Amino acid sequence: MEEKIYWMWITKINGLGSKKMQKLLQKFITPKRIWEQSRESLLEIDGIGEILVDEILNPLYRIGLEKELEEMKKQQIDILTIQDEKYPEKLKEIYDYPIVLFYKGNLELLNEFSIGIIGCRNCTRYGEKIAKNISYSLAKKRYKYSKWFSKRRRYIFTYRLFKCKWKDNCCSWEWIR
């Protein structure tokens, strides 16, 4: 299986945030090695309890990953991980930095000055409207910006950006369930 599939898998696990992912990666180095671990070896990690181990080992998270990766390739969406050389240094300065970025566009723009739009999992209609307006205005003025928001909301912002025909941008997001 392609390495990217393991990175996709690890981002889908409920309750596994950036800090706990960091702990797992410190011990097991790659998501593939985490995938292969037993219940007992996962429970040895400080802060990883039984409930989270049940989530990590849940087979439902492992279904359809190849198909999802194919769909991402069709849409020219790629994956950048904390272990990649091109991972933006500025993001590493954030307390709870994302371990995995799903992006489309010019990745180098993440290293330039940018404005981040942060979304939430359960956004109100008002919040969604304001975020759409801000992202549309930024794209219209040709500002470079990175977008971080939940999987459910990503198409709204991508639509707004491409409606402005701004081809040289980087759309990035962390997949949140």
N, C-alpha and C. Protein backbone atom coordinates (compact mmCIF):
# COMPACT_ATOMS: atom_id res chain seq x y z
N MET A 1 0.83 -1.18 0.00
CA MET A 1 0.00 0.00 0.00
C MET A 1 0.89 1.25 0.00
N GLU A 2 0.43 2.28 -0.69
CA GLU A 2 1.18 3.54 -0.77
C GLU A 2 1.24 4.21 0.61
N GLU A 3 2.38 4.79 0.94
CA GLU A 3 2.61 5.42 2.25
C GLU A 3 1.56 6.49 2.57
N LYS A 4 1.11 7.22 1.56
CA LYS A 4 0.13 8.30 1.78
C LYS A 4 -1.16 7.78 2.39
N ILE A 5 -1.51 6.54 2.08
CA ILE A 5 -2.75 5.97 2.61
C ILE A 5 -2.69 5.90 4.13
N TYR A 6 -1.53 5.58 4.68
CA TYR A 6 -1.40 5.49 6.13
C TYR A 6 -1.53 6.87 6.78
N TRP A 7 -1.01 7.89 6.10
CA TRP A 7 -1.17 9.25 6.61
C TRP A 7 -2.64 9.67 6.56
N MET A 8 -3.34 9.31 5.49
CA MET A 8 -4.77 9.61 5.40
C MET A 8 -5.51 8.91 6.54
N TRP A 9 -5.20 7.65 6.74
CA TRP A 9 -5.85 6.87 7.78
C TRP A 9 -5.71 7.52 9.16
N ILE A 10 -4.49 7.92 9.50
CA ILE A 10 -4.24 8.43 10.85
C ILE A 10 -4.99 9.75 11.10
N THR A 11 -5.25 10.52 10.06
CA THR A 11 -5.96 11.79 10.24
C THR A 11 -7.46 11.58 10.46
N LYS A 12 -7.96 10.42 10.17
CA LYS A 12 -9.40 10.14 10.28
C LYS A 12 -9.82 9.67 11.66
N ILE A 13 -8.89 9.29 12.49
CA ILE A 13 -9.20 8.64 13.76
C ILE A 13 -9.75 9.65 14.77
N ASN A 14 -10.99 9.42 15.21
CA ASN A 14 -11.62 10.29 16.21
C ASN A 14 -10.83 10.26 17.51
N GLY A 15 -10.60 11.45 18.07
CA GLY A 15 -9.90 11.55 19.34
C GLY A 15 -8.39 11.60 19.22
N LEU A 16 -7.88 11.44 18.02
CA LEU A 16 -6.43 11.46 17.82
C LEU A 16 -6.03 12.81 17.24
N GLY A 17 -5.69 13.71 18.14
CA GLY A 17 -5.28 15.04 17.73
C GLY A 17 -3.79 15.11 17.46
N SER A 18 -3.34 16.29 17.18
CA SER A 18 -1.95 16.52 16.81
C SER A 18 -0.96 16.07 17.89
N LYS A 19 -1.22 16.41 19.13
CA LYS A 19 -0.28 16.07 20.22
C LYS A 19 -0.16 14.56 20.42
N LYS A 20 -1.29 13.87 20.37
CA LYS A 20 -1.24 12.41 20.54
C LYS A 20 -0.62 11.73 19.32
N MET A 21 -0.85 12.31 18.14
CA MET A 21 -0.19 11.78 16.94
C MET A 21 1.31 11.92 17.07
N GLN A 22 1.75 13.06 17.61
CA GLN A 22 3.18 13.28 17.81
C GLN A 22 3.78 12.21 18.72
N LYS A 23 3.07 11.88 19.79
CA LYS A 23 3.56 10.84 20.71
C LYS A 23 3.68 9.49 20.00
N LEU A 24 2.66 9.15 19.21
CA LEU A 24 2.70 7.88 18.48
C LEU A 24 3.83 7.85 17.46
N LEU A 25 4.02 8.96 16.76
CA LEU A 25 5.09 9.03 15.76
C LEU A 25 6.48 9.01 16.40
N GLN A 26 6.60 9.58 17.59
CA GLN A 26 7.89 9.52 18.29
C GLN A 26 8.27 8.07 18.59
N LYS A 27 7.29 7.28 18.95
CA LYS A 27 7.55 5.88 19.30
C LYS A 27 7.67 4.99 18.07
N PHE A 28 6.74 5.14 17.11
CA PHE A 28 6.67 4.20 15.99
C PHE A 28 7.18 4.75 14.65
N ILE A 29 7.54 6.02 14.60
CA ILE A 29 8.16 6.69 13.46
C ILE A 29 7.20 6.97 12.29
N THR A 30 6.46 5.99 11.82
CA THR A 30 5.57 6.20 10.66
C THR A 30 4.15 5.72 10.98
N PRO A 31 3.16 6.27 10.27
CA PRO A 31 1.78 5.79 10.45
C PRO A 31 1.63 4.32 10.07
N LYS A 32 2.42 3.85 9.11
CA LYS A 32 2.35 2.44 8.72
C LYS A 32 2.69 1.55 9.91
N ARG A 33 3.71 1.93 10.66
CA ARG A 33 4.10 1.14 11.84
C ARG A 33 3.05 1.24 12.94
N ILE A 34 2.37 2.39 13.04
CA ILE A 34 1.26 2.51 14.00
C ILE A 34 0.14 1.57 13.58
N TRP A 35 -0.18 1.55 12.30
CA TRP A 35 -1.21 0.68 11.71
C TRP A 35 -0.98 -0.78 12.10
N GLU A 36 0.29 -1.18 12.15
CA GLU A 36 0.66 -2.57 12.38
C GLU A 36 0.72 -2.98 13.86
N GLN A 37 0.56 -2.02 14.76
CA GLN A 37 0.76 -2.29 16.19
C GLN A 37 -0.41 -3.07 16.81
N SER A 38 -0.08 -3.76 17.88
CA SER A 38 -1.08 -4.48 18.66
C SER A 38 -1.69 -3.53 19.69
N ARG A 39 -2.78 -3.96 20.25
CA ARG A 39 -3.45 -3.20 21.31
C ARG A 39 -2.49 -2.95 22.47
N GLU A 40 -1.76 -3.96 22.86
CA GLU A 40 -0.85 -3.86 24.00
C GLU A 40 0.26 -2.84 23.76
N SER A 41 0.84 -2.84 22.58
CA SER A 41 1.94 -1.90 22.31
C SER A 41 1.42 -0.46 22.23
N LEU A 42 0.21 -0.27 21.75
CA LEU A 42 -0.37 1.08 21.70
C LEU A 42 -0.68 1.59 23.11
N LEU A 43 -1.13 0.71 23.98
CA LEU A 43 -1.46 1.10 25.36
C LEU A 43 -0.23 1.48 26.17
N GLU A 44 0.96 1.12 25.72
CA GLU A 44 2.19 1.49 26.41
C GLU A 44 2.52 2.98 26.29
N ILE A 45 1.91 3.65 25.31
CA ILE A 45 2.20 5.06 25.07
C ILE A 45 1.45 5.91 26.09
N ASP A 46 2.16 6.79 26.77
CA ASP A 46 1.57 7.69 27.76
C ASP A 46 0.52 8.59 27.09
N GLY A 47 -0.67 8.63 27.66
CA GLY A 47 -1.73 9.49 27.12
C GLY A 47 -2.62 8.81 26.09
N ILE A 48 -2.28 7.59 25.71
CA ILE A 48 -3.09 6.84 24.75
C ILE A 48 -3.85 5.77 25.54
N GLY A 49 -5.11 6.05 25.83
CA GLY A 49 -5.91 5.14 26.64
C GLY A 49 -6.66 4.12 25.82
N GLU A 50 -7.45 3.31 26.52
CA GLU A 50 -8.19 2.23 25.88
C GLU A 50 -9.18 2.71 24.83
N ILE A 51 -9.86 3.80 25.12
CA ILE A 51 -10.85 4.32 24.17
C ILE A 51 -10.17 4.72 22.87
N LEU A 52 -9.05 5.44 22.97
CA LEU A 52 -8.34 5.85 21.77
C LEU A 52 -7.75 4.65 21.03
N VAL A 53 -7.25 3.68 21.76
CA VAL A 53 -6.72 2.47 21.12
C VAL A 53 -7.83 1.76 20.36
N ASP A 54 -9.03 1.71 20.93
CA ASP A 54 -10.16 1.11 20.21
C ASP A 54 -10.43 1.85 18.90
N GLU A 55 -10.31 3.17 18.94
CA GLU A 55 -10.50 3.97 17.72
C GLU A 55 -9.40 3.68 16.70
N ILE A 56 -8.17 3.64 17.15
CA ILE A 56 -7.03 3.39 16.26
C ILE A 56 -7.18 2.03 15.57
N LEU A 57 -7.65 1.05 16.32
CA LEU A 57 -7.78 -0.30 15.79
C LEU A 57 -9.12 -0.55 15.08
N ASN A 58 -9.99 0.43 15.07
CA ASN A 58 -11.31 0.29 14.45
C ASN A 58 -11.15 0.08 12.94
N PRO A 59 -11.62 -1.06 12.43
CA PRO A 59 -11.46 -1.35 10.99
C PRO A 59 -12.23 -0.41 10.07
N LEU A 60 -13.21 0.29 10.58
CA LEU A 60 -13.98 1.21 9.73
C LEU A 60 -13.11 2.34 9.17
N TYR A 61 -12.08 2.73 9.93
CA TYR A 61 -11.18 3.78 9.44
C TYR A 61 -10.28 3.31 8.32
N ARG A 62 -10.21 2.01 8.12
CA ARG A 62 -9.29 1.44 7.14
C ARG A 62 -9.97 1.10 5.82
N ILE A 63 -11.25 1.34 5.75
CA ILE A 63 -12.03 0.99 4.55
C ILE A 63 -12.02 2.16 3.56
N GLY A 64 -11.83 1.85 2.29
CA GLY A 64 -11.98 2.84 1.22
C GLY A 64 -10.86 3.84 1.06
N LEU A 65 -9.73 3.60 1.68
CA LEU A 65 -8.63 4.56 1.61
C LEU A 65 -8.03 4.65 0.21
N GLU A 66 -7.90 3.52 -0.48
CA GLU A 66 -7.35 3.54 -1.84
C GLU A 66 -8.25 4.36 -2.77
N LYS A 67 -9.54 4.16 -2.65
CA LYS A 67 -10.51 4.89 -3.48
C LYS A 67 -10.43 6.39 -3.19
N GLU A 68 -10.33 6.74 -1.92
CA GLU A 68 -10.23 8.14 -1.54
C GLU A 68 -8.94 8.77 -2.09
N LEU A 69 -7.84 8.03 -2.04
CA LEU A 69 -6.58 8.53 -2.58
C LEU A 69 -6.69 8.74 -4.10
N GLU A 70 -7.33 7.83 -4.79
CA GLU A 70 -7.54 7.98 -6.23
C GLU A 70 -8.35 9.24 -6.54
N GLU A 71 -9.39 9.46 -5.76
CA GLU A 71 -10.22 10.65 -5.96
C GLU A 71 -9.41 11.92 -5.71
N MET A 72 -8.56 11.90 -4.71
CA MET A 72 -7.69 13.05 -4.45
C MET A 72 -6.76 13.30 -5.63
N LYS A 73 -6.20 12.25 -6.18
CA LYS A 73 -5.30 12.40 -7.34
C LYS A 73 -6.04 13.01 -8.52
N LYS A 74 -7.28 12.58 -8.75
CA LYS A 74 -8.08 13.13 -9.85
C LYS A 74 -8.28 14.64 -9.67
N GLN A 75 -8.45 15.05 -8.41
CA GLN A 75 -8.67 16.47 -8.11
C GLN A 75 -7.36 17.23 -7.88
N GLN A 76 -6.24 16.57 -8.11
CA GLN A 76 -4.90 17.14 -7.95
C GLN A 76 -4.64 17.62 -6.51
N ILE A 77 -5.12 16.85 -5.56
CA ILE A 77 -4.89 17.12 -4.15
C ILE A 77 -3.78 16.19 -3.69
N ASP A 78 -2.82 16.74 -2.96
CA ASP A 78 -1.69 15.95 -2.49
C ASP A 78 -1.57 16.05 -0.98
N ILE A 79 -0.67 15.28 -0.42
CA ILE A 79 -0.46 15.22 1.02
C ILE A 79 0.95 15.66 1.36
N LEU A 80 1.05 16.47 2.39
CA LEU A 80 2.34 16.90 2.93
C LEU A 80 2.32 16.58 4.42
N THR A 81 3.35 15.92 4.90
CA THR A 81 3.38 15.52 6.31
C THR A 81 4.49 16.25 7.06
N ILE A 82 4.41 16.17 8.36
CA ILE A 82 5.41 16.79 9.22
C ILE A 82 6.80 16.21 8.95
N GLN A 83 6.87 15.03 8.38
CA GLN A 83 8.15 14.40 8.09
C GLN A 83 8.73 14.79 6.74
N ASP A 84 7.97 15.55 5.94
CA ASP A 84 8.45 16.00 4.64
C ASP A 84 9.34 17.24 4.77
N GLU A 85 10.36 17.31 3.95
CA GLU A 85 11.27 18.47 3.96
C GLU A 85 10.55 19.77 3.63
N LYS A 86 9.53 19.69 2.81
CA LYS A 86 8.83 20.89 2.37
C LYS A 86 7.78 21.39 3.37
N TYR A 87 7.60 20.69 4.48
CA TYR A 87 6.63 21.13 5.48
C TYR A 87 7.04 22.52 5.97
N PRO A 88 6.14 23.49 5.96
CA PRO A 88 6.48 24.87 6.32
C PRO A 88 6.98 25.01 7.76
N GLU A 89 8.14 25.62 7.91
CA GLU A 89 8.74 25.83 9.23
C GLU A 89 7.83 26.68 10.13
N LYS A 90 7.15 27.65 9.55
CA LYS A 90 6.28 28.52 10.35
C LYS A 90 5.17 27.74 11.02
N LEU A 91 4.68 26.71 10.37
CA LEU A 91 3.61 25.90 10.97
C LEU A 91 4.11 25.13 12.18
N LYS A 92 5.37 24.75 12.17
CA LYS A 92 5.94 24.00 13.30
C LYS A 92 6.00 24.85 14.56
N GLU A 93 5.88 26.16 14.41
CA GLU A 93 5.92 27.06 15.55
C GLU A 93 4.59 27.10 16.30
N ILE A 94 3.53 26.62 15.69
CA ILE A 94 2.22 26.61 16.32
C ILE A 94 2.20 25.51 17.37
N TYR A 95 1.57 25.77 18.50
CA TYR A 95 1.53 24.79 19.59
C TYR A 95 0.97 23.45 19.12
N ASP A 96 -0.16 23.47 18.47
CA ASP A 96 -0.86 22.24 18.06
C ASP A 96 -0.85 22.13 16.53
N TYR A 97 0.35 22.15 15.95
CA TYR A 97 0.49 22.17 14.49
C TYR A 97 -0.07 20.90 13.86
N PRO A 98 -0.57 21.03 12.63
CA PRO A 98 -1.11 19.85 11.94
C PRO A 98 0.00 18.91 11.51
N ILE A 99 -0.23 17.63 11.69
CA ILE A 99 0.73 16.60 11.32
C ILE A 99 0.67 16.36 9.81
N VAL A 100 -0.52 16.50 9.24
CA VAL A 100 -0.74 16.23 7.83
C VAL A 100 -1.48 17.42 7.20
N LEU A 101 -1.01 17.84 6.04
CA LEU A 101 -1.70 18.86 5.25
C LEU A 101 -2.15 18.22 3.94
N PHE A 102 -3.38 18.47 3.57
CA PHE A 102 -3.87 18.08 2.27
C PHE A 102 -3.91 19.38 1.47
N TYR A 103 -3.27 19.43 0.33
CA TYR A 103 -3.15 20.69 -0.38
C TYR A 103 -3.38 20.52 -1.88
N LYS A 104 -3.64 21.66 -2.48
CA LYS A 104 -3.82 21.74 -3.93
C LYS A 104 -3.25 23.08 -4.34
N GLY A 105 -2.38 23.08 -5.30
CA GLY A 105 -1.82 24.35 -5.76
C GLY A 105 -0.33 24.46 -5.48
N ASN A 106 0.12 25.69 -5.41
CA ASN A 106 1.53 26.01 -5.24
C ASN A 106 1.92 25.92 -3.77
N LEU A 107 2.57 24.85 -3.41
CA LEU A 107 2.96 24.59 -2.03
C LEU A 107 3.94 25.64 -1.49
N GLU A 108 4.75 26.21 -2.35
CA GLU A 108 5.75 27.18 -1.91
C GLU A 108 5.12 28.43 -1.29
N LEU A 109 3.86 28.70 -1.62
CA LEU A 109 3.20 29.88 -1.06
C LEU A 109 2.99 29.76 0.44
N LEU A 110 3.03 28.55 0.96
CA LEU A 110 2.87 28.38 2.41
C LEU A 110 4.07 28.95 3.17
N ASN A 111 5.18 29.15 2.51
CA ASN A 111 6.36 29.71 3.18
C ASN A 111 6.40 31.22 3.12
N GLU A 112 5.45 31.82 2.43
CA GLU A 112 5.38 33.28 2.34
C GLU A 112 4.38 33.79 3.36
N PHE A 113 4.35 35.11 3.53
CA PHE A 113 3.37 35.71 4.42
C PHE A 113 1.98 35.33 3.94
N SER A 114 1.15 34.90 4.86
CA SER A 114 -0.21 34.52 4.48
C SER A 114 -1.17 34.78 5.62
N ILE A 115 -2.42 34.72 5.30
CA ILE A 115 -3.49 34.90 6.27
C ILE A 115 -4.20 33.57 6.38
N GLY A 116 -4.40 33.11 7.59
CA GLY A 116 -5.07 31.82 7.81
C GLY A 116 -6.53 32.02 8.17
N ILE A 117 -7.39 31.25 7.56
CA ILE A 117 -8.80 31.24 7.93
C ILE A 117 -9.04 29.90 8.62
N ILE A 118 -9.39 29.96 9.87
CA ILE A 118 -9.54 28.76 10.66
C ILE A 118 -11.03 28.48 10.82
N GLY A 119 -11.45 27.29 10.46
CA GLY A 119 -12.85 26.92 10.59
C GLY A 119 -13.05 26.00 11.77
N CYS A 120 -14.29 25.82 12.11
CA CYS A 120 -14.60 24.90 13.21
C CYS A 120 -15.43 23.74 12.70
N ARG A 121 -15.56 22.73 13.52
CA ARG A 121 -16.29 21.54 13.11
C ARG A 121 -17.78 21.80 12.94
N ASN A 122 -18.34 22.61 13.81
CA ASN A 122 -19.78 22.87 13.79
C ASN A 122 -20.04 24.35 13.60
N CYS A 123 -19.69 24.83 12.46
CA CYS A 123 -19.79 26.24 12.12
C CYS A 123 -21.26 26.68 12.01
N THR A 124 -21.58 27.87 12.50
CA THR A 124 -22.93 28.42 12.34
C THR A 124 -23.08 28.94 10.91
N ARG A 125 -24.29 29.17 10.49
CA ARG A 125 -24.51 29.73 9.15
C ARG A 125 -23.87 31.12 9.04
N TYR A 126 -23.96 31.89 10.12
CA TYR A 126 -23.36 33.22 10.12
C TYR A 126 -21.84 33.11 9.96
N GLY A 127 -21.22 32.21 10.72
CA GLY A 127 -19.77 32.02 10.64
C GLY A 127 -19.35 31.56 9.25
N GLU A 128 -20.14 30.67 8.66
CA GLU A 128 -19.86 30.19 7.31
C GLU A 128 -19.94 31.34 6.30
N LYS A 129 -20.96 32.17 6.46
CA LYS A 129 -21.14 33.31 5.55
C LYS A 129 -19.97 34.29 5.65
N ILE A 130 -19.57 34.61 6.87
CA ILE A 130 -18.45 35.53 7.08
C ILE A 130 -17.15 34.95 6.51
N ALA A 131 -16.90 33.67 6.77
CA ALA A 131 -15.68 33.03 6.26
C ALA A 131 -15.67 33.03 4.73
N LYS A 132 -16.82 32.77 4.12
CA LYS A 132 -16.91 32.81 2.65
C LYS A 132 -16.58 34.20 2.13
N ASN A 133 -17.16 35.20 2.76
CA ASN A 133 -16.94 36.59 2.32
C ASN A 133 -15.49 37.01 2.47
N ILE A 134 -14.89 36.64 3.58
CA ILE A 134 -13.48 36.99 3.81
C ILE A 134 -12.59 36.30 2.78
N SER A 135 -12.80 35.00 2.58
CA SER A 135 -11.94 34.28 1.64
C SER A 135 -12.14 34.80 0.22
N TYR A 136 -13.37 35.13 -0.15
CA TYR A 136 -13.63 35.67 -1.48
C TYR A 136 -12.93 37.02 -1.65
N SER A 137 -13.02 37.87 -0.63
CA SER A 137 -12.37 39.19 -0.70
C SER A 137 -10.86 39.07 -0.80
N LEU A 138 -10.28 38.16 -0.04
CA LEU A 138 -8.83 37.96 -0.09
C LEU A 138 -8.39 37.48 -1.47
N ALA A 139 -9.12 36.53 -2.02
CA ALA A 139 -8.77 36.00 -3.33
C ALA A 139 -8.93 37.08 -4.40
N LYS A 140 -9.97 37.86 -4.29
CA LYS A 140 -10.24 38.93 -5.25
C LYS A 140 -9.10 39.96 -5.25
N LYS A 141 -8.56 40.22 -4.06
CA LYS A 141 -7.45 41.19 -3.94
C LYS A 141 -6.10 40.52 -4.16
N ARG A 142 -6.13 39.23 -4.48
CA ARG A 142 -4.95 38.44 -4.80
C ARG A 142 -4.00 38.27 -3.62
N TYR A 143 -4.55 38.30 -2.39
CA TYR A 143 -3.74 37.98 -1.23
C TYR A 143 -3.49 36.48 -1.22
N LYS A 144 -2.34 36.12 -0.71
CA LYS A 144 -2.05 34.70 -0.54
C LYS A 144 -2.58 34.31 0.83
N TYR A 145 -3.30 33.23 0.87
CA TYR A 145 -3.78 32.78 2.17
C TYR A 145 -3.92 31.29 2.20
N SER A 146 -3.79 30.77 3.41
CA SER A 146 -3.96 29.34 3.65
C SER A 146 -5.29 29.15 4.33
N LYS A 147 -5.95 28.08 4.01
CA LYS A 147 -7.25 27.83 4.61
C LYS A 147 -7.19 26.54 5.42
N TRP A 148 -7.67 26.60 6.64
CA TRP A 148 -7.73 25.42 7.49
C TRP A 148 -9.17 25.28 7.93
N PHE A 149 -9.78 24.19 7.63
CA PHE A 149 -11.17 24.01 8.00
C PHE A 149 -11.56 22.56 7.87
N SER A 150 -12.75 22.27 8.30
CA SER A 150 -13.16 20.87 8.31
C SER A 150 -13.44 20.36 6.92
N LYS A 151 -13.36 19.06 6.78
CA LYS A 151 -13.60 18.38 5.51
C LYS A 151 -14.96 18.78 4.94
N ARG A 152 -15.94 18.94 5.82
CA ARG A 152 -17.29 19.25 5.36
C ARG A 152 -17.39 20.63 4.73
N ARG A 153 -16.49 21.52 5.06
CA ARG A 153 -16.57 22.91 4.59
C ARG A 153 -15.62 23.23 3.45
N ARG A 154 -14.72 22.33 3.08
CA ARG A 154 -13.64 22.68 2.16
C ARG A 154 -14.11 23.13 0.79
N TYR A 155 -15.18 22.57 0.28
CA TYR A 155 -15.61 22.88 -1.08
C TYR A 155 -16.11 24.31 -1.21
N ILE A 156 -16.67 24.85 -0.16
CA ILE A 156 -17.16 26.23 -0.20
C ILE A 156 -16.01 27.19 -0.50
N PHE A 157 -14.92 27.06 0.26
CA PHE A 157 -13.81 27.97 0.10
C PHE A 157 -13.06 27.74 -1.21
N THR A 158 -12.92 26.49 -1.60
CA THR A 158 -12.27 26.20 -2.86
C THR A 158 -13.06 26.81 -4.01
N TYR A 159 -14.38 26.70 -3.95
CA TYR A 159 -15.24 27.29 -4.99
C TYR A 159 -15.01 28.79 -5.06
N ARG A 160 -15.02 29.44 -3.92
CA ARG A 160 -14.84 30.89 -3.90
C ARG A 160 -13.49 31.29 -4.50
N LEU A 161 -12.49 30.54 -4.18
CA LEU A 161 -11.16 30.87 -4.68
C LEU A 161 -11.07 30.73 -6.19
N PHE A 162 -11.56 29.63 -6.73
CA PHE A 162 -11.43 29.41 -8.16
C PHE A 162 -12.40 30.25 -8.96
N LYS A 163 -13.47 30.71 -8.34
CA LYS A 163 -14.38 31.63 -9.01
C LYS A 163 -13.62 32.91 -9.38
N CYS A 164 -12.64 33.27 -8.57
CA CYS A 164 -11.83 34.46 -8.83
C CYS A 164 -10.75 34.20 -9.87
N LYS A 165 -10.62 32.96 -10.31
CA LYS A 165 -9.64 32.58 -11.32
C LYS A 165 -8.21 32.89 -10.88
N TRP A 166 -7.94 32.74 -9.63
CA TRP A 166 -6.60 32.93 -9.10
C TRP A 166 -5.92 31.59 -9.12
N LYS A 167 -5.12 31.34 -10.12
CA LYS A 167 -4.56 30.00 -10.37
C LYS A 167 -3.35 29.67 -9.49
N ASP A 168 -2.62 30.67 -9.04
CA ASP A 168 -1.35 30.41 -8.38
C ASP A 168 -1.48 30.48 -6.87
N ASN A 169 -2.40 29.74 -6.29
CA ASN A 169 -2.54 29.76 -4.85
C ASN A 169 -2.32 28.39 -4.29
N CYS A 170 -2.27 28.31 -3.01
CA CYS A 170 -2.15 27.01 -2.35
C CYS A 170 -3.35 26.84 -1.44
N CYS A 171 -4.15 25.86 -1.72
CA CYS A 171 -5.29 25.55 -0.86
C CYS A 171 -4.83 24.46 0.09
N SER A 172 -4.88 24.71 1.36
CA SER A 172 -4.45 23.67 2.29
C SER A 172 -5.46 23.50 3.39
N TRP A 173 -5.57 22.28 3.87
CA TRP A 173 -6.47 22.04 4.98
C TRP A 173 -6.08 20.78 5.71
N GLU A 174 -6.48 20.75 6.94
CA GLU A 174 -6.32 19.54 7.74
C GLU A 174 -7.70 18.89 7.76
N TRP A 175 -7.76 17.62 7.55
CA TRP A 175 -9.06 16.94 7.57
C TRP A 175 -9.46 16.70 9.00
N ILE A 176 -10.60 17.23 9.38
CA ILE A 176 -11.10 17.10 10.74
C ILE A 176 -12.43 16.38 10.66
N ARG A 177 -12.66 15.44 11.52
CA ARG A 177 -13.94 14.73 11.55
C ARG A 177 -14.80 15.26 12.64
